[in-house]
N, C-alpha and C. Protein backbone atom coordinates (compact mmCIF):
# COMPACT_ATOMS: atom_id res chain seq x y z
N MET A 1 -110.36 195.17 19.07
CA MET A 1 -110.82 194.25 20.04
C MET A 1 -110.07 192.94 19.89
N ALA A 2 -109.49 192.42 20.90
CA ALA A 2 -108.68 191.18 20.79
C ALA A 2 -109.59 189.95 21.01
N ASN A 3 -109.26 188.98 20.21
CA ASN A 3 -110.06 187.69 20.32
C ASN A 3 -109.41 186.96 21.52
N SER A 4 -110.27 186.52 22.35
CA SER A 4 -109.77 185.66 23.46
C SER A 4 -110.82 184.57 23.78
N ILE A 5 -110.29 183.52 24.34
CA ILE A 5 -111.19 182.41 24.73
C ILE A 5 -111.44 182.42 26.17
N ASP A 6 -112.69 182.28 26.47
CA ASP A 6 -113.08 182.28 27.87
C ASP A 6 -112.40 181.06 28.57
N SER A 7 -111.71 181.33 29.67
CA SER A 7 -110.92 180.23 30.34
C SER A 7 -111.83 179.13 30.92
N SER A 8 -113.09 179.46 31.13
CA SER A 8 -113.95 178.37 31.61
C SER A 8 -114.33 177.36 30.56
N LEU A 9 -113.95 177.61 29.35
CA LEU A 9 -114.24 176.65 28.24
C LEU A 9 -113.03 175.71 27.94
N TYR A 10 -111.94 175.85 28.64
CA TYR A 10 -110.77 174.98 28.42
C TYR A 10 -111.15 173.55 28.72
N LEU A 11 -110.57 172.61 27.96
CA LEU A 11 -110.87 171.21 28.13
C LEU A 11 -110.50 170.70 29.50
N SER A 12 -109.49 171.24 30.15
CA SER A 12 -109.11 170.80 31.43
C SER A 12 -110.09 171.12 32.54
N ASN A 13 -111.02 171.95 32.26
CA ASN A 13 -112.06 172.36 33.25
C ASN A 13 -113.20 171.41 33.25
N TYR A 14 -113.29 170.50 32.28
CA TYR A 14 -114.38 169.54 32.14
C TYR A 14 -113.89 168.23 32.79
N GLN A 15 -114.81 167.65 33.59
CA GLN A 15 -114.52 166.33 34.18
C GLN A 15 -114.87 165.25 33.17
N LYS A 16 -113.92 164.37 32.92
CA LYS A 16 -114.21 163.27 32.03
C LYS A 16 -114.79 162.16 32.87
N GLU A 17 -115.91 161.62 32.48
CA GLU A 17 -116.50 160.53 33.20
C GLU A 17 -115.80 159.28 32.70
N GLN A 18 -115.24 158.48 33.67
CA GLN A 18 -114.60 157.28 33.28
C GLN A 18 -115.55 156.11 33.40
N ARG A 19 -115.63 155.30 32.38
CA ARG A 19 -116.46 154.13 32.37
C ARG A 19 -115.64 152.94 32.69
N LYS A 20 -115.98 152.19 33.64
CA LYS A 20 -115.24 150.92 33.92
C LYS A 20 -116.21 149.83 33.95
N THR A 21 -115.93 148.80 33.16
CA THR A 21 -116.89 147.73 33.00
C THR A 21 -116.31 146.38 33.49
N GLY A 22 -115.48 146.44 34.48
CA GLY A 22 -114.96 145.17 34.99
C GLY A 22 -113.45 145.34 35.38
N SER A 23 -112.88 144.25 35.63
CA SER A 23 -111.47 144.21 36.01
C SER A 23 -110.55 144.27 34.87
N ASN A 24 -109.37 144.86 35.06
CA ASN A 24 -108.38 144.97 34.06
C ASN A 24 -107.53 143.64 33.95
N ILE A 25 -107.85 142.71 34.81
CA ILE A 25 -107.04 141.45 34.92
C ILE A 25 -107.95 140.34 34.36
N LEU A 26 -107.37 139.61 33.37
CA LEU A 26 -108.06 138.45 32.83
C LEU A 26 -107.65 137.18 33.59
N GLY A 27 -108.66 136.45 33.98
CA GLY A 27 -108.39 135.23 34.70
C GLY A 27 -108.67 134.03 33.83
N LYS A 28 -108.63 132.85 34.44
CA LYS A 28 -108.80 131.60 33.63
C LYS A 28 -110.26 131.51 33.10
N ASP A 29 -111.23 132.00 33.86
CA ASP A 29 -112.61 131.99 33.34
C ASP A 29 -112.81 132.88 32.15
N ASP A 30 -112.15 134.09 32.22
CA ASP A 30 -112.23 134.98 31.06
C ASP A 30 -111.60 134.38 29.85
N PHE A 31 -110.47 133.74 30.04
CA PHE A 31 -109.75 133.13 28.90
C PHE A 31 -110.60 132.07 28.25
N LEU A 32 -111.25 131.26 29.09
CA LEU A 32 -112.13 130.15 28.57
C LEU A 32 -113.32 130.73 27.82
N LYS A 33 -113.92 131.79 28.33
CA LYS A 33 -115.03 132.39 27.64
C LYS A 33 -114.60 132.98 26.30
N ILE A 34 -113.47 133.62 26.24
CA ILE A 34 -112.93 134.14 24.93
C ILE A 34 -112.75 132.93 23.93
N LEU A 35 -112.16 131.89 24.45
CA LEU A 35 -111.90 130.69 23.57
C LEU A 35 -113.24 130.13 23.06
N MET A 36 -114.23 130.01 23.91
CA MET A 36 -115.54 129.46 23.46
C MET A 36 -116.21 130.38 22.45
N VAL A 37 -116.18 131.67 22.68
CA VAL A 37 -116.72 132.61 21.70
C VAL A 37 -115.98 132.50 20.36
N GLN A 38 -114.69 132.37 20.44
CA GLN A 38 -113.88 132.25 19.24
C GLN A 38 -114.33 131.01 18.46
N LEU A 39 -114.53 129.87 19.16
CA LEU A 39 -114.89 128.60 18.50
C LEU A 39 -116.31 128.70 17.92
N GLN A 40 -117.20 129.37 18.65
CA GLN A 40 -118.59 129.53 18.15
C GLN A 40 -118.67 130.41 16.92
N ASN A 41 -117.80 131.38 16.83
CA ASN A 41 -117.90 132.36 15.70
C ASN A 41 -116.86 132.12 14.62
N GLN A 42 -116.26 130.95 14.57
CA GLN A 42 -115.32 130.78 13.54
C GLN A 42 -116.00 130.41 12.22
N ASP A 43 -115.31 130.68 11.16
CA ASP A 43 -115.85 130.37 9.82
C ASP A 43 -115.82 128.90 9.59
N PRO A 44 -117.05 128.33 9.35
CA PRO A 44 -117.14 126.85 9.15
C PRO A 44 -116.30 126.34 7.96
N SER A 45 -116.16 127.18 6.95
CA SER A 45 -115.41 126.77 5.82
C SER A 45 -113.89 126.88 6.02
N ASN A 46 -113.48 127.59 7.08
CA ASN A 46 -112.10 127.73 7.37
C ASN A 46 -111.91 127.62 8.88
N PRO A 47 -112.05 126.41 9.46
CA PRO A 47 -111.99 126.28 10.93
C PRO A 47 -110.59 126.57 11.44
N MET A 48 -110.57 126.75 12.79
CA MET A 48 -109.31 126.99 13.43
C MET A 48 -108.35 125.79 13.26
N ASP A 49 -107.11 126.12 12.98
CA ASP A 49 -106.11 125.08 12.84
C ASP A 49 -105.99 124.24 14.12
N ASP A 50 -105.89 122.93 14.07
CA ASP A 50 -105.80 122.13 15.25
C ASP A 50 -104.60 122.43 16.14
N LYS A 51 -103.51 122.78 15.48
CA LYS A 51 -102.30 123.18 16.25
C LYS A 51 -102.51 124.40 17.02
N GLU A 52 -103.21 125.34 16.49
CA GLU A 52 -103.49 126.64 17.13
C GLU A 52 -104.48 126.32 18.31
N PHE A 53 -105.51 125.51 18.08
CA PHE A 53 -106.38 125.18 19.14
C PHE A 53 -105.64 124.46 20.29
N ILE A 54 -104.76 123.52 19.98
CA ILE A 54 -104.05 122.83 21.03
C ILE A 54 -103.15 123.79 21.82
N ALA A 55 -102.55 124.74 21.06
CA ALA A 55 -101.66 125.74 21.73
C ALA A 55 -102.48 126.60 22.66
N GLN A 56 -103.68 127.00 22.27
CA GLN A 56 -104.55 127.76 23.16
C GLN A 56 -104.98 127.00 24.32
N MET A 57 -105.30 125.71 24.18
CA MET A 57 -105.71 124.90 25.31
C MET A 57 -104.58 124.66 26.29
N ALA A 58 -103.36 124.54 25.73
CA ALA A 58 -102.18 124.42 26.58
C ALA A 58 -101.92 125.70 27.38
N THR A 59 -102.14 126.81 26.73
CA THR A 59 -102.01 128.11 27.40
C THR A 59 -103.05 128.24 28.52
N PHE A 60 -104.28 127.80 28.23
CA PHE A 60 -105.32 127.84 29.26
C PHE A 60 -104.95 126.92 30.44
N SER A 61 -104.46 125.69 30.14
CA SER A 61 -104.07 124.80 31.18
C SER A 61 -102.90 125.38 31.98
N THR A 62 -101.94 126.00 31.41
CA THR A 62 -100.84 126.65 32.09
C THR A 62 -101.37 127.75 32.99
N LEU A 63 -102.25 128.56 32.46
CA LEU A 63 -102.79 129.71 33.24
C LEU A 63 -103.54 129.15 34.46
N GLU A 64 -104.30 128.12 34.31
CA GLU A 64 -105.05 127.54 35.43
C GLU A 64 -104.07 126.99 36.49
N GLN A 65 -103.05 126.30 36.08
CA GLN A 65 -102.05 125.77 37.04
C GLN A 65 -101.31 126.85 37.80
N ILE A 66 -100.99 127.92 37.02
CA ILE A 66 -100.29 129.09 37.70
C ILE A 66 -101.20 129.70 38.72
N THR A 67 -102.46 129.90 38.32
CA THR A 67 -103.38 130.44 39.34
C THR A 67 -103.56 129.60 40.56
N ASN A 68 -103.68 128.29 40.37
CA ASN A 68 -103.78 127.39 41.52
C ASN A 68 -102.53 127.44 42.38
N MET A 69 -101.38 127.48 41.72
CA MET A 69 -100.10 127.53 42.45
C MET A 69 -99.95 128.82 43.22
N ASN A 70 -100.39 129.98 42.69
CA ASN A 70 -100.40 131.24 43.33
C ASN A 70 -101.23 131.19 44.53
N GLN A 71 -102.47 130.61 44.48
CA GLN A 71 -103.32 130.54 45.63
C GLN A 71 -102.70 129.65 46.76
N THR A 72 -102.08 128.56 46.38
CA THR A 72 -101.44 127.66 47.30
C THR A 72 -100.26 128.39 47.99
N MET A 73 -99.47 129.12 47.20
CA MET A 73 -98.30 129.84 47.80
C MET A 73 -98.78 130.91 48.70
N GLN A 74 -99.88 131.60 48.44
CA GLN A 74 -100.41 132.65 49.30
C GLN A 74 -100.87 131.99 50.65
N LYS A 75 -101.51 130.85 50.55
CA LYS A 75 -101.91 130.15 51.83
C LYS A 75 -100.67 129.79 52.63
N LEU A 76 -99.64 129.28 51.97
CA LEU A 76 -98.41 128.90 52.66
C LEU A 76 -97.77 130.06 53.35
N ALA A 77 -97.71 131.20 52.62
CA ALA A 77 -97.10 132.47 53.18
C ALA A 77 -97.92 132.90 54.40
N ASP A 78 -99.25 132.87 54.33
CA ASP A 78 -100.11 133.23 55.43
C ASP A 78 -99.87 132.34 56.64
N SER A 79 -99.72 131.07 56.38
CA SER A 79 -99.52 130.13 57.58
C SER A 79 -98.13 130.34 58.14
N GLN A 80 -97.12 130.66 57.33
CA GLN A 80 -95.81 130.91 57.84
C GLN A 80 -95.80 132.18 58.74
N GLN A 81 -96.53 133.16 58.40
CA GLN A 81 -96.64 134.37 59.16
C GLN A 81 -97.27 134.05 60.51
N GLN A 82 -98.31 133.26 60.53
CA GLN A 82 -98.92 132.87 61.75
C GLN A 82 -98.02 132.02 62.60
N ASN A 83 -97.19 131.19 61.99
CA ASN A 83 -96.24 130.37 62.72
C ASN A 83 -95.18 131.20 63.41
N LEU A 84 -94.89 132.37 62.86
CA LEU A 84 -93.93 133.32 63.45
C LEU A 84 -94.50 133.72 64.83
N LEU A 85 -95.72 134.00 64.91
CA LEU A 85 -96.35 134.42 66.17
C LEU A 85 -96.15 133.32 67.24
N ILE A 86 -96.40 132.05 66.82
CA ILE A 86 -96.30 130.96 67.76
C ILE A 86 -94.81 130.76 68.19
N ALA A 87 -93.84 130.92 67.21
CA ALA A 87 -92.47 130.77 67.53
C ALA A 87 -92.01 131.87 68.50
N TYR A 88 -92.42 133.11 68.25
CA TYR A 88 -92.00 134.16 69.12
C TYR A 88 -92.67 134.15 70.49
N SER A 89 -93.73 133.40 70.64
CA SER A 89 -94.42 133.28 71.92
C SER A 89 -93.54 132.59 72.91
N ASP A 90 -92.55 131.84 72.43
CA ASP A 90 -91.56 131.23 73.38
C ASP A 90 -90.79 132.26 74.12
N LEU A 91 -90.73 133.48 73.66
CA LEU A 91 -89.98 134.56 74.34
C LEU A 91 -90.69 135.12 75.54
N ILE A 92 -91.96 134.76 75.69
CA ILE A 92 -92.74 135.26 76.83
C ILE A 92 -92.13 134.80 78.13
N GLY A 93 -91.86 135.74 79.02
CA GLY A 93 -91.23 135.47 80.30
C GLY A 93 -89.68 135.49 80.25
N LYS A 94 -89.14 135.65 79.07
CA LYS A 94 -87.68 135.84 78.92
C LYS A 94 -87.30 137.30 78.99
N GLU A 95 -86.07 137.51 79.40
CA GLU A 95 -85.53 138.88 79.45
C GLU A 95 -84.76 139.13 78.13
N VAL A 96 -85.03 140.25 77.46
CA VAL A 96 -84.37 140.51 76.21
C VAL A 96 -83.63 141.82 76.27
N THR A 97 -82.52 141.87 75.55
CA THR A 97 -81.79 143.13 75.36
C THR A 97 -82.14 143.55 73.90
N TRP A 98 -82.54 144.82 73.80
CA TRP A 98 -82.98 145.26 72.45
C TRP A 98 -82.32 146.63 72.12
N THR A 99 -82.21 146.87 70.83
CA THR A 99 -81.65 148.10 70.26
C THR A 99 -82.56 148.50 69.10
N HIS A 100 -82.97 149.76 69.08
CA HIS A 100 -83.77 150.27 67.98
C HIS A 100 -83.08 151.59 67.43
N VAL A 101 -82.83 151.58 66.11
CA VAL A 101 -82.20 152.74 65.51
C VAL A 101 -83.25 153.39 64.63
N SER A 102 -83.60 154.70 64.87
CA SER A 102 -84.53 155.45 64.13
C SER A 102 -83.79 156.48 63.25
N ASN A 103 -84.37 156.69 62.08
CA ASN A 103 -83.78 157.75 61.21
C ASN A 103 -84.12 159.12 61.78
N PRO A 104 -83.15 160.03 61.64
CA PRO A 104 -83.37 161.37 62.19
C PRO A 104 -84.44 162.13 61.37
N GLU A 105 -85.05 163.09 62.04
CA GLU A 105 -86.04 163.92 61.39
C GLU A 105 -85.39 164.84 60.31
N ASN A 106 -84.23 165.37 60.67
CA ASN A 106 -83.52 166.27 59.75
C ASN A 106 -82.37 165.60 59.15
N GLU A 107 -82.23 165.77 57.82
CA GLU A 107 -81.14 165.16 57.11
C GLU A 107 -79.80 165.67 57.67
N GLY A 108 -78.87 164.75 57.87
CA GLY A 108 -77.58 165.21 58.40
C GLY A 108 -77.44 164.97 59.87
N ASP A 109 -78.59 164.84 60.62
CA ASP A 109 -78.51 164.54 62.04
C ASP A 109 -78.13 163.08 62.29
N GLU A 110 -77.61 162.81 63.43
CA GLU A 110 -77.25 161.47 63.79
C GLU A 110 -78.53 160.64 63.98
N PRO A 111 -78.43 159.36 63.69
CA PRO A 111 -79.62 158.43 63.98
C PRO A 111 -79.89 158.38 65.47
N ILE A 112 -81.13 158.15 65.84
CA ILE A 112 -81.56 158.03 67.20
C ILE A 112 -81.45 156.57 67.58
N VAL A 113 -80.71 156.31 68.61
CA VAL A 113 -80.46 154.90 69.04
C VAL A 113 -81.09 154.75 70.46
N GLU A 114 -82.02 153.79 70.52
CA GLU A 114 -82.70 153.43 71.81
C GLU A 114 -82.23 152.08 72.16
N GLU A 115 -81.93 151.86 73.45
CA GLU A 115 -81.51 150.52 73.92
C GLU A 115 -82.20 150.24 75.24
N GLY A 116 -82.30 148.98 75.51
CA GLY A 116 -82.95 148.64 76.83
C GLY A 116 -82.95 147.17 77.08
N ILE A 117 -83.44 146.82 78.27
CA ILE A 117 -83.59 145.46 78.70
C ILE A 117 -84.99 145.38 79.25
N GLY A 118 -85.69 144.31 78.89
CA GLY A 118 -87.07 144.13 79.46
C GLY A 118 -87.45 142.73 79.34
N LYS A 119 -88.54 142.40 80.11
CA LYS A 119 -89.09 141.06 80.09
C LYS A 119 -90.30 141.05 79.18
N VAL A 120 -90.35 140.08 78.25
CA VAL A 120 -91.47 139.94 77.29
C VAL A 120 -92.66 139.40 78.03
N VAL A 121 -93.82 140.12 77.90
CA VAL A 121 -95.05 139.69 78.50
C VAL A 121 -96.08 139.21 77.53
N SER A 122 -95.98 139.64 76.24
CA SER A 122 -96.91 139.18 75.27
C SER A 122 -96.37 139.37 73.86
N THR A 123 -96.99 138.60 72.89
CA THR A 123 -96.66 138.75 71.47
C THR A 123 -97.99 139.11 70.76
N SER A 124 -97.86 139.85 69.67
CA SER A 124 -99.07 140.17 68.92
C SER A 124 -98.73 140.14 67.43
N TYR A 125 -99.74 139.98 66.64
CA TYR A 125 -99.54 139.88 65.18
C TYR A 125 -100.46 140.93 64.50
N LYS A 126 -99.83 142.00 63.88
CA LYS A 126 -100.62 143.01 63.28
C LYS A 126 -100.02 143.36 61.90
N ASN A 127 -100.88 143.42 60.93
CA ASN A 127 -100.49 143.79 59.51
C ASN A 127 -99.33 142.97 59.02
N GLY A 128 -99.34 141.66 59.26
CA GLY A 128 -98.36 140.73 58.80
C GLY A 128 -97.05 140.79 59.51
N GLN A 129 -97.01 141.40 60.73
CA GLN A 129 -95.80 141.58 61.48
C GLN A 129 -96.04 141.13 62.97
N VAL A 130 -94.98 140.58 63.51
CA VAL A 130 -95.06 140.19 64.92
C VAL A 130 -94.38 141.27 65.79
N PHE A 131 -95.05 141.58 66.88
CA PHE A 131 -94.56 142.56 67.82
C PHE A 131 -94.52 141.95 69.24
N LEU A 132 -93.53 142.37 70.02
CA LEU A 132 -93.36 141.91 71.40
C LEU A 132 -93.61 143.00 72.31
N THR A 133 -94.40 142.78 73.30
CA THR A 133 -94.65 143.81 74.36
C THR A 133 -93.84 143.46 75.62
N LEU A 134 -93.12 144.48 76.13
CA LEU A 134 -92.30 144.28 77.30
C LEU A 134 -93.10 144.64 78.54
N GLU A 135 -92.56 144.24 79.70
CA GLU A 135 -93.17 144.53 80.98
C GLU A 135 -93.44 146.00 81.24
N ASN A 136 -92.59 146.87 80.71
CA ASN A 136 -92.74 148.30 80.94
C ASN A 136 -93.66 148.95 79.88
N GLY A 137 -94.27 148.14 78.97
CA GLY A 137 -95.21 148.60 78.00
C GLY A 137 -94.55 148.96 76.63
N LYS A 138 -93.26 148.89 76.53
CA LYS A 138 -92.52 149.15 75.32
C LYS A 138 -92.84 148.01 74.34
N VAL A 139 -93.18 148.37 73.06
CA VAL A 139 -93.43 147.41 71.99
C VAL A 139 -92.28 147.41 71.05
N ILE A 140 -91.64 146.24 70.80
CA ILE A 140 -90.53 146.12 69.92
C ILE A 140 -90.75 145.05 68.86
N GLU A 141 -89.96 145.07 67.81
CA GLU A 141 -90.01 144.05 66.80
C GLU A 141 -88.93 143.00 67.14
N PRO A 142 -89.15 141.78 66.69
CA PRO A 142 -88.13 140.71 67.02
C PRO A 142 -86.81 141.05 66.41
N ALA A 143 -86.72 141.77 65.27
CA ALA A 143 -85.45 142.11 64.67
C ALA A 143 -84.60 143.05 65.55
N ASN A 144 -85.22 143.72 66.56
CA ASN A 144 -84.50 144.61 67.45
C ASN A 144 -83.81 143.87 68.62
N ILE A 145 -84.04 142.57 68.77
CA ILE A 145 -83.54 141.88 69.91
C ILE A 145 -82.10 141.44 69.61
N SER A 146 -81.18 141.72 70.56
CA SER A 146 -79.81 141.37 70.39
C SER A 146 -79.36 140.20 71.34
N GLU A 147 -80.21 139.97 72.38
CA GLU A 147 -79.83 138.97 73.33
C GLU A 147 -81.14 138.46 74.06
N VAL A 148 -81.23 137.15 74.31
CA VAL A 148 -82.32 136.58 75.06
C VAL A 148 -81.74 135.75 76.18
N ARG A 149 -82.31 135.88 77.38
CA ARG A 149 -81.91 135.08 78.50
C ARG A 149 -83.04 134.89 79.45
N ASN A 150 -82.89 133.86 80.31
CA ASN A 150 -83.85 133.65 81.37
C ASN A 150 -83.75 134.76 82.37
N PRO A 151 -84.83 135.22 82.89
CA PRO A 151 -84.75 136.32 83.88
C PRO A 151 -84.07 135.76 85.15
N PRO A 152 -83.37 136.68 85.86
CA PRO A 152 -82.70 136.24 87.07
C PRO A 152 -83.76 135.78 88.10
N GLU A 153 -83.43 134.70 88.75
CA GLU A 153 -84.36 134.15 89.75
C GLU A 153 -84.34 134.99 91.01
N ASN A 154 -85.45 135.06 91.61
CA ASN A 154 -85.59 135.82 92.86
C ASN A 154 -84.94 134.98 94.01
N THR A 155 -83.82 135.39 94.51
CA THR A 155 -83.11 134.59 95.53
C THR A 155 -83.64 134.90 96.92
N GLU A 156 -84.47 135.89 97.08
CA GLU A 156 -84.98 136.14 98.43
C GLU A 156 -86.06 135.10 98.78
N LYS A 157 -86.06 134.67 100.01
CA LYS A 157 -87.04 133.71 100.41
C LYS A 157 -88.31 134.51 100.83
N PRO A 158 -89.46 134.00 100.53
CA PRO A 158 -90.70 134.68 100.89
C PRO A 158 -90.78 134.81 102.40
N LYS A 159 -91.32 135.94 102.90
CA LYS A 159 -91.47 136.15 104.34
C LYS A 159 -92.70 135.45 104.77
N VAL A 160 -92.59 134.76 105.90
CA VAL A 160 -93.77 134.00 106.43
C VAL A 160 -94.41 134.76 107.54
């Protein structure tokens, strides 16, 4: 009789429960808490060297400034994206020539090239990107525009 191990007992068949007790990212508040605990639990007969303490405080100050700068830069980037929508709204009522190149479904096939002319009727902002809607319902990105011009004026006089 051969010795065999029942396959249901393999370690890979057991789900390991993962414990997560917070974020993997330490922020400035976490750093300050660690520093305070370190100060509270230091050996009174052998306190932390003042140079080491100053270095840790400088690190904390640097971390705080970087965090504040990151938040400010994010706000600036968000406002720049919204400004794009306002800038591209100047295209409403203008006639644009556009070209869009799509990658082929099958490798080795030629790229699919779409071209057209249309009048911009609206702009929209979705997922951090600006889109232009043309009179015929086609939605294009500003990067696809190759020419912008005023639409030709209607030279016919209205019938009375």
